[in-house]
All heavy atoms as atom14 arrays in JSON, in Angstrom:
{
  "sequence": "VLVGAGLDAAAGAAVTDVLQEHVHDHHPGTELVTYRTGHRGDALLI",
  "atom14_mask": [
    [1, 1, 1, 1, 1, 1, 1, 0, 0, 0, 0, 0, 0, 0],
    [1, 1, 1, 1, 1, 1, 1, 1, 0, 0, 0, 0, 0, 0],
    [1, 1, 1, 1, 1, 1, 1, 0, 0, 0, 0, 0, 0, 0],
    [1, 1, 1, 1, 0, 0, 0, 0, 0, 0, 0, 0, 0, 0],
    [1, 1, 1, 1, 1, 0, 0, 0, 0, 0, 0, 0, 0, 0],
    [1, 1, 1, 1, 0, 0, 0, 0, 0, 0, 0, 0, 0, 0],
    [1, 1, 1, 1, 1, 1, 1, 1, 0, 0, 0, 0, 0, 0],
    [1, 1, 1, 1, 1, 1, 1, 1, 0, 0, 0, 0, 0, 0],
    [1, 1, 1, 1, 1, 0, 0, 0, 0, 0, 0, 0, 0, 0],
    [1, 1, 1, 1, 1, 0, 0, 0, 0, 0, 0, 0, 0, 0],
    [1, 1, 1, 1, 1, 0, 0, 0, 0, 0, 0, 0, 0, 0],
    [1, 1, 1, 1, 0, 0, 0, 0, 0, 0, 0, 0, 0, 0],
    [1, 1, 1, 1, 1, 0, 0, 0, 0, 0, 0, 0, 0, 0],
    [1, 1, 1, 1, 1, 0, 0, 0, 0, 0, 0, 0, 0, 0],
    [1, 1, 1, 1, 1, 1, 1, 0, 0, 0, 0, 0, 0, 0],
    [1, 1, 1, 1, 1, 1, 1, 0, 0, 0, 0, 0, 0, 0],
    [1, 1, 1, 1, 1, 1, 1, 1, 0, 0, 0, 0, 0, 0],
    [1, 1, 1, 1, 1, 1, 1, 0, 0, 0, 0, 0, 0, 0],
    [1, 1, 1, 1, 1, 1, 1, 1, 0, 0, 0, 0, 0, 0],
    [1, 1, 1, 1, 1, 1, 1, 1, 1, 0, 0, 0, 0, 0],
    [1, 1, 1, 1, 1, 1, 1, 1, 1, 0, 0, 0, 0, 0],
    [1, 1, 1, 1, 1, 1, 1, 1, 1, 1, 0, 0, 0, 0],
    [1, 1, 1, 1, 1, 1, 1, 0, 0, 0, 0, 0, 0, 0],
    [1, 1, 1, 1, 1, 1, 1, 1, 1, 1, 0, 0, 0, 0],
    [1, 1, 1, 1, 1, 1, 1, 1, 0, 0, 0, 0, 0, 0],
    [1, 1, 1, 1, 1, 1, 1, 1, 1, 1, 0, 0, 0, 0],
    [1, 1, 1, 1, 1, 1, 1, 1, 1, 1, 0, 0, 0, 0],
    [1, 1, 1, 1, 1, 1, 1, 0, 0, 0, 0, 0, 0, 0],
    [1, 1, 1, 1, 0, 0, 0, 0, 0, 0, 0, 0, 0, 0],
    [1, 1, 1, 1, 1, 1, 1, 0, 0, 0, 0, 0, 0, 0],
    [1, 1, 1, 1, 1, 1, 1, 1, 1, 0, 0, 0, 0, 0],
    [1, 1, 1, 1, 1, 1, 1, 1, 0, 0, 0, 0, 0, 0],
    [1, 1, 1, 1, 1, 1, 1, 0, 0, 0, 0, 0, 0, 0],
    [1, 1, 1, 1, 1, 1, 1, 0, 0, 0, 0, 0, 0, 0],
    [1, 1, 1, 1, 1, 1, 1, 1, 1, 1, 1, 1, 0, 0],
    [1, 1, 1, 1, 1, 1, 1, 1, 1, 1, 1, 0, 0, 0],
    [1, 1, 1, 1, 1, 1, 1, 0, 0, 0, 0, 0, 0, 0],
    [1, 1, 1, 1, 0, 0, 0, 0, 0, 0, 0, 0, 0, 0],
    [1, 1, 1, 1, 1, 1, 1, 1, 1, 1, 0, 0, 0, 0],
    [1, 1, 1, 1, 1, 1, 1, 1, 1, 1, 1, 0, 0, 0],
    [1, 1, 1, 1, 0, 0, 0, 0, 0, 0, 0, 0, 0, 0],
    [1, 1, 1, 1, 1, 1, 1, 1, 0, 0, 0, 0, 0, 0],
    [1, 1, 1, 1, 1, 0, 0, 0, 0, 0, 0, 0, 0, 0],
    [1, 1, 1, 1, 1, 1, 1, 1, 0, 0, 0, 0, 0, 0],
    [1, 1, 1, 1, 1, 1, 1, 1, 0, 0, 0, 0, 0, 0],
    [1, 1, 1, 1, 1, 1, 1, 1, 0, 0, 0, 0, 0, 0]
  ],
  "atom14_positions": [
    [[-1.69, -5.32, 0.99], [-2.24, -3.98, 1.04], [-3.11, -3.72, -0.22], [-2.61, -3.9, -1.31], [-1.12, -2.92, 1.08], [-1.73, -1.51, 1.11], [-0.24, -3.13, 2.35], [0.0, 0.0, 0.0], [0.0, 0.0, 0.0], [0.0, 0.0, 0.0], [0.0, 0.0, 0.0], [0.0, 0.0, 0.0], [0.0, 0.0, 0.0], [0.0, 0.0, 0.0]],
    [[-4.32, -3.38, 0.01], [-5.29, -3.08, -1.07], [-5.51, -1.59, -1.11], [-5.92, -0.98, -0.1], [-6.62, -3.82, -0.89], [-6.55, -5.33, -0.65], [-7.96, -5.91, -0.61], [-5.77, -6.04, -1.75], [0.0, 0.0, 0.0], [0.0, 0.0, 0.0], [0.0, 0.0, 0.0], [0.0, 0.0, 0.0], [0.0, 0.0, 0.0], [0.0, 0.0, 0.0]],
    [[-5.27, -0.95, -2.28], [-5.35, 0.44, -2.39], [-6.68, 0.87, -2.99], [-7.09, 0.35, -3.99], [-4.17, 1.04, -3.3], [-4.22, 2.55, -3.36], [-2.82, 0.54, -2.71], [0.0, 0.0, 0.0], [0.0, 0.0, 0.0], [0.0, 0.0, 0.0], [0.0, 0.0, 0.0], [0.0, 0.0, 0.0], [0.0, 0.0, 0.0], [0.0, 0.0, 0.0]],
    [[-7.37, 1.79, -2.3], [-8.71, 2.17, -2.67], [-8.77, 3.34, -3.72], [-7.71, 3.88, -4.03], [0.0, 0.0, 0.0], [0.0, 0.0, 0.0], [0.0, 0.0, 0.0], [0.0, 0.0, 0.0], [0.0, 0.0, 0.0], [0.0, 0.0, 0.0], [0.0, 0.0, 0.0], [0.0, 0.0, 0.0], [0.0, 0.0, 0.0], [0.0, 0.0, 0.0]],
    [[-9.97, 3.68, -4.08], [-10.18, 4.71, -5.1], [-9.88, 6.1, -4.58], [-9.64, 7.03, -5.31], [-11.68, 4.66, -5.55], [0.0, 0.0, 0.0], [0.0, 0.0, 0.0], [0.0, 0.0, 0.0], [0.0, 0.0, 0.0], [0.0, 0.0, 0.0], [0.0, 0.0, 0.0], [0.0, 0.0, 0.0], [0.0, 0.0, 0.0], [0.0, 0.0, 0.0]],
    [[-9.83, 6.24, -3.23], [-9.52, 7.57, -2.63], [-8.11, 8.02, -2.87], [-7.82, 9.24, -2.77], [0.0, 0.0, 0.0], [0.0, 0.0, 0.0], [0.0, 0.0, 0.0], [0.0, 0.0, 0.0], [0.0, 0.0, 0.0], [0.0, 0.0, 0.0], [0.0, 0.0, 0.0], [0.0, 0.0, 0.0], [0.0, 0.0, 0.0], [0.0, 0.0, 0.0]],
    [[-7.17, 7.15, -3.2], [-5.83, 7.52, -3.54], [-5.61, 7.34, -5.03], [-5.9, 6.22, -5.57], [-4.82, 6.62, -2.81], [-4.88, 6.71, -1.26], [-3.85, 5.74, -0.66], [-4.52, 8.11, -0.8], [0.0, 0.0, 0.0], [0.0, 0.0, 0.0], [0.0, 0.0, 0.0], [0.0, 0.0, 0.0], [0.0, 0.0, 0.0], [0.0, 0.0, 0.0]],
    [[-5.2, 8.41, -5.72], [-4.99, 8.25, -7.2], [-3.71, 7.39, -7.39], [-3.06, 7.0, -6.47], [-4.85, 9.61, -7.86], [-3.78, 10.48, -7.33], [-2.74, 9.91, -6.81], [-3.82, 11.72, -7.42], [0.0, 0.0, 0.0], [0.0, 0.0, 0.0], [0.0, 0.0, 0.0], [0.0, 0.0, 0.0], [0.0, 0.0, 0.0], [0.0, 0.0, 0.0]],
    [[-3.4, 7.13, -8.65], [-2.3, 6.24, -8.93], [-1.0, 6.72, -8.34], [-0.24, 5.88, -7.77], [-2.19, 6.03, -10.51], [0.0, 0.0, 0.0], [0.0, 0.0, 0.0], [0.0, 0.0, 0.0], [0.0, 0.0, 0.0], [0.0, 0.0, 0.0], [0.0, 0.0, 0.0], [0.0, 0.0, 0.0], [0.0, 0.0, 0.0], [0.0, 0.0, 0.0]],
    [[-0.73, 8.0, -8.48], [0.56, 8.51, -7.93], [0.59, 8.44, -6.42], [1.6, 7.94, -5.86], [0.78, 9.93, -8.43], [0.0, 0.0, 0.0], [0.0, 0.0, 0.0], [0.0, 0.0, 0.0], [0.0, 0.0, 0.0], [0.0, 0.0, 0.0], [0.0, 0.0, 0.0], [0.0, 0.0, 0.0], [0.0, 0.0, 0.0], [0.0, 0.0, 0.0]],
    [[-0.47, 8.86, -5.75], [-0.5, 8.83, -4.33], [-0.46, 7.43, -3.82], [0.27, 7.09, -2.78], [-1.77, 9.53, -3.79], [0.0, 0.0, 0.0], [0.0, 0.0, 0.0], [0.0, 0.0, 0.0], [0.0, 0.0, 0.0], [0.0, 0.0, 0.0], [0.0, 0.0, 0.0], [0.0, 0.0, 0.0], [0.0, 0.0, 0.0], [0.0, 0.0, 0.0]],
    [[-1.19, 6.53, -4.47], [-1.13, 5.11, -4.03], [0.22, 4.51, -4.15], [0.66, 3.73, -3.27], [0.0, 0.0, 0.0], [0.0, 0.0, 0.0], [0.0, 0.0, 0.0], [0.0, 0.0, 0.0], [0.0, 0.0, 0.0], [0.0, 0.0, 0.0], [0.0, 0.0, 0.0], [0.0, 0.0, 0.0], [0.0, 0.0, 0.0], [0.0, 0.0, 0.0]],
    [[0.93, 4.81, -5.25], [2.28, 4.31, -5.44], [3.24, 4.81, -4.43], [4.08, 4.11, -3.91], [2.75, 4.62, -6.84], [0.0, 0.0, 0.0], [0.0, 0.0, 0.0], [0.0, 0.0, 0.0], [0.0, 0.0, 0.0], [0.0, 0.0, 0.0], [0.0, 0.0, 0.0], [0.0, 0.0, 0.0], [0.0, 0.0, 0.0], [0.0, 0.0, 0.0]],
    [[3.05, 6.15, -4.06], [3.96, 6.75, -3.07], [3.71, 6.06, -1.7], [4.73, 5.78, -1.0], [3.69, 8.19, -3.03], [0.0, 0.0, 0.0], [0.0, 0.0, 0.0], [0.0, 0.0, 0.0], [0.0, 0.0, 0.0], [0.0, 0.0, 0.0], [0.0, 0.0, 0.0], [0.0, 0.0, 0.0], [0.0, 0.0, 0.0], [0.0, 0.0, 0.0]],
    [[2.49, 5.85, -1.36], [2.24, 5.23, -0.02], [2.8, 3.81, 0.0], [3.45, 3.4, 0.99], [0.73, 5.22, 0.28], [0.4, 4.34, 1.47], [0.18, 6.63, 0.46], [0.0, 0.0, 0.0], [0.0, 0.0, 0.0], [0.0, 0.0, 0.0], [0.0, 0.0, 0.0], [0.0, 0.0, 0.0], [0.0, 0.0, 0.0], [0.0, 0.0, 0.0]],
    [[2.54, 3.02, -1.04], [2.95, 1.61, -0.97], [4.51, 1.53, -1.11], [5.12, 0.62, -0.48], [2.36, 0.84, -2.16], [2.6, 1.44, -3.43], [0.84, 0.71, -1.91], [0.0, 0.0, 0.0], [0.0, 0.0, 0.0], [0.0, 0.0, 0.0], [0.0, 0.0, 0.0], [0.0, 0.0, 0.0], [0.0, 0.0, 0.0], [0.0, 0.0, 0.0]],
    [[5.2, 2.48, -1.75], [6.64, 2.49, -1.76], [7.22, 2.71, -0.33], [8.14, 2.03, 0.04], [7.18, 3.57, -2.69], [7.0, 3.2, -4.16], [6.76, 2.04, -4.44], [7.12, 4.1, -4.98], [0.0, 0.0, 0.0], [0.0, 0.0, 0.0], [0.0, 0.0, 0.0], [0.0, 0.0, 0.0], [0.0, 0.0, 0.0], [0.0, 0.0, 0.0]],
    [[6.6, 3.63, 0.36], [7.02, 3.91, 1.8], [6.81, 2.65, 2.66], [7.67, 2.28, 3.43], [6.28, 5.12, 2.35], [6.6, 5.28, 3.83], [6.69, 6.37, 1.6], [0.0, 0.0, 0.0], [0.0, 0.0, 0.0], [0.0, 0.0, 0.0], [0.0, 0.0, 0.0], [0.0, 0.0, 0.0], [0.0, 0.0, 0.0], [0.0, 0.0, 0.0]],
    [[5.6, 2.03, 2.51], [5.32, 0.82, 3.29], [6.26, -0.3, 2.95], [6.71, -1.07, 3.85], [3.89, 0.35, 3.07], [2.79, 1.3, 3.57], [1.42, 0.69, 3.28], [2.98, 1.65, 5.02], [0.0, 0.0, 0.0], [0.0, 0.0, 0.0], [0.0, 0.0, 0.0], [0.0, 0.0, 0.0], [0.0, 0.0, 0.0], [0.0, 0.0, 0.0]],
    [[6.61, -0.43, 1.65], [7.59, -1.48, 1.23], [8.97, -1.26, 1.93], [9.51, -2.21, 2.45], [7.72, -1.41, -0.29], [8.4, -2.63, -0.9], [7.56, -3.86, -0.95], [7.76, -4.82, -0.15], [6.57, -3.9, -1.82], [0.0, 0.0, 0.0], [0.0, 0.0, 0.0], [0.0, 0.0, 0.0], [0.0, 0.0, 0.0], [0.0, 0.0, 0.0]],
    [[9.35, -0.05, 1.91], [10.65, 0.29, 2.53], [10.59, 0.06, 4.06], [11.54, -0.43, 4.68], [11.07, 1.71, 2.25], [12.42, 2.12, 2.8], [12.8, 3.52, 2.43], [12.02, 4.15, 1.63], [13.81, 4.02, 2.95], [0.0, 0.0, 0.0], [0.0, 0.0, 0.0], [0.0, 0.0, 0.0], [0.0, 0.0, 0.0], [0.0, 0.0, 0.0]],
    [[9.51, 0.44, 4.64], [9.37, 0.29, 6.1], [9.36, -1.23, 6.53], [10.01, -1.6, 7.49], [8.02, 0.94, 6.59], [7.79, 0.84, 8.04], [8.45, 1.65, 9.0], [7.0, 0.01, 8.78], [8.05, 1.34, 10.21], [7.19, 0.29, 10.07], [0.0, 0.0, 0.0], [0.0, 0.0, 0.0], [0.0, 0.0, 0.0], [0.0, 0.0, 0.0]],
    [[8.64, -2.0, 5.78], [8.64, -3.46, 6.07], [10.01, -4.05, 5.94], [10.49, -4.88, 6.71], [7.63, -4.16, 5.19], [7.77, -5.71, 5.32], [6.21, -3.79, 5.63], [0.0, 0.0, 0.0], [0.0, 0.0, 0.0], [0.0, 0.0, 0.0], [0.0, 0.0, 0.0], [0.0, 0.0, 0.0], [0.0, 0.0, 0.0], [0.0, 0.0, 0.0]],
    [[10.69, -3.66, 4.85], [12.03, -4.17, 4.62], [13.01, -3.81, 5.76], [13.79, -4.63, 6.16], [12.6, -3.56, 3.3], [13.96, -4.01, 2.95], [15.1, -3.27, 3.39], [14.47, -5.1, 2.29], [16.16, -3.93, 2.98], [15.82, -4.99, 2.27], [0.0, 0.0, 0.0], [0.0, 0.0, 0.0], [0.0, 0.0, 0.0], [0.0, 0.0, 0.0]],
    [[12.84, -2.57, 6.27], [13.83, -2.12, 7.29], [13.45, -2.59, 8.71], [14.4, -2.8, 9.5], [13.91, -0.57, 7.25], [14.52, -0.04, 5.99], [15.21, -0.83, 5.28], [14.33, 1.17, 5.71], [0.0, 0.0, 0.0], [0.0, 0.0, 0.0], [0.0, 0.0, 0.0], [0.0, 0.0, 0.0], [0.0, 0.0, 0.0], [0.0, 0.0, 0.0]],
    [[12.15, -2.67, 8.96], [11.75, -2.88, 10.37], [11.14, -4.28, 10.6], [10.97, -4.71, 11.78], [10.75, -1.85, 10.83], [11.33, -0.47, 10.86], [11.36, 0.36, 9.77], [11.93, 0.21, 11.87], [11.95, 1.47, 10.09], [12.26, 1.45, 11.36], [0.0, 0.0, 0.0], [0.0, 0.0, 0.0], [0.0, 0.0, 0.0], [0.0, 0.0, 0.0]],
    [[10.77, -4.99, 9.55], [10.17, -6.32, 9.71], [10.83, -7.32, 8.74], [10.16, -7.79, 7.82], [8.67, -6.25, 9.52], [7.98, -5.28, 10.46], [7.66, -5.58, 11.72], [7.57, -4.01, 10.19], [7.05, -4.53, 12.29], [6.93, -3.56, 11.34], [0.0, 0.0, 0.0], [0.0, 0.0, 0.0], [0.0, 0.0, 0.0], [0.0, 0.0, 0.0]],
    [[12.1, -7.58, 8.91], [12.78, -8.44, 8.01], [12.18, -9.83, 7.96], [11.69, -10.33, 8.95], [14.22, -8.5, 8.52], [14.09, -8.09, 10.0], [13.0, -7.12, 10.02], [0.0, 0.0, 0.0], [0.0, 0.0, 0.0], [0.0, 0.0, 0.0], [0.0, 0.0, 0.0], [0.0, 0.0, 0.0], [0.0, 0.0, 0.0], [0.0, 0.0, 0.0]],
    [[12.13, -10.41, 6.73], [11.52, -11.74, 6.54], [10.06, -11.67, 6.22], [9.46, -12.72, 5.89], [0.0, 0.0, 0.0], [0.0, 0.0, 0.0], [0.0, 0.0, 0.0], [0.0, 0.0, 0.0], [0.0, 0.0, 0.0], [0.0, 0.0, 0.0], [0.0, 0.0, 0.0], [0.0, 0.0, 0.0], [0.0, 0.0, 0.0], [0.0, 0.0, 0.0]],
    [[9.47, -10.48, 6.29], [8.05, -10.36, 5.96], [7.95, -9.82, 4.5], [8.59, -8.84, 4.14], [7.35, -9.37, 6.9], [7.43, -9.9, 8.23], [5.89, -9.21, 6.53], [0.0, 0.0, 0.0], [0.0, 0.0, 0.0], [0.0, 0.0, 0.0], [0.0, 0.0, 0.0], [0.0, 0.0, 0.0], [0.0, 0.0, 0.0], [0.0, 0.0, 0.0]],
    [[7.07, -10.44, 3.7], [6.83, -10.02, 2.36], [5.61, -9.08, 2.29], [4.61, -9.32, 3.01], [6.56, -11.28, 1.45], [6.27, -10.85, 0.01], [5.95, -12.1, -0.85], [5.9, -13.18, -0.28], [5.72, -11.95, -2.04], [0.0, 0.0, 0.0], [0.0, 0.0, 0.0], [0.0, 0.0, 0.0], [0.0, 0.0, 0.0], [0.0, 0.0, 0.0]],
    [[5.66, -8.03, 1.47], [4.55, -7.13, 1.3], [4.15, -7.14, -0.16], [4.97, -6.94, -1.03], [4.89, -5.71, 1.74], [3.75, -4.68, 1.73], [3.89, -3.74, 2.9], [3.77, -3.9, 0.43], [0.0, 0.0, 0.0], [0.0, 0.0, 0.0], [0.0, 0.0, 0.0], [0.0, 0.0, 0.0], [0.0, 0.0, 0.0], [0.0, 0.0, 0.0]],
    [[2.84, -7.37, -0.4], [2.29, -7.31, -1.8], [1.17, -6.28, -1.76], [0.43, -6.11, -0.78], [1.78, -8.65, -2.26], [2.9, -9.66, -2.36], [0.65, -9.2, -1.4], [0.0, 0.0, 0.0], [0.0, 0.0, 0.0], [0.0, 0.0, 0.0], [0.0, 0.0, 0.0], [0.0, 0.0, 0.0], [0.0, 0.0, 0.0], [0.0, 0.0, 0.0]],
    [[1.07, -5.53, -2.89], [0.05, -4.51, -2.99], [-0.79, -4.71, -4.26], [-0.29, -5.16, -5.26], [0.67, -3.08, -3.03], [1.44, -3.0, -4.19], [1.47, -2.85, -1.77], [0.0, 0.0, 0.0], [0.0, 0.0, 0.0], [0.0, 0.0, 0.0], [0.0, 0.0, 0.0], [0.0, 0.0, 0.0], [0.0, 0.0, 0.0], [0.0, 0.0, 0.0]],
    [[-2.07, -4.38, -4.18], [-2.98, -4.4, -5.33], [-3.83, -3.13, -5.32], [-4.28, -2.68, -4.23], [-3.92, -5.62, -5.25], [-3.23, -6.97, -5.17], [-3.06, -7.56, -3.95], [-2.79, -7.61, -6.28], [-2.44, -8.84, -3.85], [-2.15, -8.82, -6.26], [-2.02, -9.42, -5.02], [-1.37, -10.65, -4.92], [0.0, 0.0, 0.0], [0.0, 0.0, 0.0]],
    [[-4.02, -2.56, -6.52], [-4.88, -1.44, -6.59], [-6.28, -1.93, -6.9], [-6.62, -2.34, -8.04], [-4.48, -0.44, -7.68], [-5.32, 0.79, -7.73], [-4.7, 1.94, -8.6], [-5.55, 3.12, -8.47], [-5.51, 3.96, -7.45], [-4.64, 3.79, -6.45], [-6.32, 4.98, -7.4], [0.0, 0.0, 0.0], [0.0, 0.0, 0.0], [0.0, 0.0, 0.0]],
    [[-7.2, -1.99, -5.9], [-8.5, -2.63, -6.03], [-9.53, -1.56, -6.41], [-10.6, -1.96, -7.0], [-8.94, -3.34, -4.76], [-8.77, -2.42, -3.71], [-8.02, -4.57, -4.54], [0.0, 0.0, 0.0], [0.0, 0.0, 0.0], [0.0, 0.0, 0.0], [0.0, 0.0, 0.0], [0.0, 0.0, 0.0], [0.0, 0.0, 0.0], [0.0, 0.0, 0.0]],
    [[-9.36, -0.32, -6.04], [-10.3, 0.7, -6.42], [-11.58, 0.72, -5.5], [-12.61, 1.28, -5.96], [0.0, 0.0, 0.0], [0.0, 0.0, 0.0], [0.0, 0.0, 0.0], [0.0, 0.0, 0.0], [0.0, 0.0, 0.0], [0.0, 0.0, 0.0], [0.0, 0.0, 0.0], [0.0, 0.0, 0.0], [0.0, 0.0, 0.0], [0.0, 0.0, 0.0]],
    [[-11.53, 0.05, -4.36], [-12.68, 0.07, -3.49], [-12.9, 1.46, -2.9], [-11.93, 2.31, -2.83], [-12.47, -0.95, -2.33], [-11.26, -0.58, -1.46], [-10.03, -1.15, -1.79], [-11.14, 0.17, -0.37], [-9.16, -0.72, -0.84], [-9.87, 0.12, 0.02], [0.0, 0.0, 0.0], [0.0, 0.0, 0.0], [0.0, 0.0, 0.0], [0.0, 0.0, 0.0]],
    [[-14.08, 1.73, -2.5], [-14.38, 3.04, -1.93], [-14.52, 3.0, -0.45], [-14.72, 1.89, 0.1], [-15.68, 3.63, -2.59], [-15.36, 4.26, -3.96], [-16.62, 4.42, -4.8], [-17.03, 3.17, -5.36], [-18.02, 3.07, -6.28], [-18.68, 4.13, -6.68], [-18.34, 1.86, -6.8], [0.0, 0.0, 0.0], [0.0, 0.0, 0.0], [0.0, 0.0, 0.0]],
    [[-14.45, 4.17, 0.19], [-14.5, 4.22, 1.66], [-13.12, 4.28, 2.23], [-12.52, 5.36, 2.36], [0.0, 0.0, 0.0], [0.0, 0.0, 0.0], [0.0, 0.0, 0.0], [0.0, 0.0, 0.0], [0.0, 0.0, 0.0], [0.0, 0.0, 0.0], [0.0, 0.0, 0.0], [0.0, 0.0, 0.0], [0.0, 0.0, 0.0], [0.0, 0.0, 0.0]],
    [[-12.52, 3.16, 2.63], [-11.2, 3.13, 3.17], [-10.14, 3.4, 2.1], [-10.23, 2.92, 0.98], [-10.91, 1.74, 3.78], [-11.84, 1.39, 4.93], [-11.95, 2.22, 5.8], [-12.45, 0.32, 4.89], [0.0, 0.0, 0.0], [0.0, 0.0, 0.0], [0.0, 0.0, 0.0], [0.0, 0.0, 0.0], [0.0, 0.0, 0.0], [0.0, 0.0, 0.0]],
    [[-9.13, 4.18, 2.5], [-8.01, 4.45, 1.57], [-7.18, 3.19, 1.35], [-6.74, 2.9, 0.24], [-7.13, 5.57, 2.07], [0.0, 0.0, 0.0], [0.0, 0.0, 0.0], [0.0, 0.0, 0.0], [0.0, 0.0, 0.0], [0.0, 0.0, 0.0], [0.0, 0.0, 0.0], [0.0, 0.0, 0.0], [0.0, 0.0, 0.0], [0.0, 0.0, 0.0]],
    [[-6.97, 2.42, 2.45], [-6.21, 1.22, 2.36], [-6.91, 0.08, 3.15], [-7.49, 0.35, 4.25], [-4.83, 1.4, 2.92], [-3.89, 2.48, 2.32], [-2.62, 2.66, 3.16], [-3.51, 2.06, 0.88], [0.0, 0.0, 0.0], [0.0, 0.0, 0.0], [0.0, 0.0, 0.0], [0.0, 0.0, 0.0], [0.0, 0.0, 0.0], [0.0, 0.0, 0.0]],
    [[-6.73, -1.13, 2.71], [-7.1, -2.3, 3.49], [-5.84, -3.08, 3.74], [-5.1, -3.31, 2.67], [-8.16, -3.13, 2.78], [-9.51, -2.54, 2.59], [-10.44, -3.49, 1.75], [-10.19, -2.25, 3.88], [0.0, 0.0, 0.0], [0.0, 0.0, 0.0], [0.0, 0.0, 0.0], [0.0, 0.0, 0.0], [0.0, 0.0, 0.0], [0.0, 0.0, 0.0]],
    [[-5.54, -3.47, 4.95], [-4.26, -4.12, 5.21], [-4.54, -5.45, 5.94], [-5.31, -5.5, 6.86], [-3.35, -3.22, 6.11], [-3.05, -1.94, 5.39], [-2.05, -3.99, 6.46], [-2.25, -0.94, 6.24], [0.0, 0.0, 0.0], [0.0, 0.0, 0.0], [0.0, 0.0, 0.0], [0.0, 0.0, 0.0], [0.0, 0.0, 0.0], [0.0, 0.0, 0.0]]
  ]
}
């Protein structure tokens, strides 16, 4: 998950925390990594 400039640090962290928990609970065995890339346009690239 690449976090864009449209989400500030707090909002980006909140979104990725929820996604981390969702993957843990609903897709066991799948690893999730996130990077704050600061790209513009899309809020997230997945």
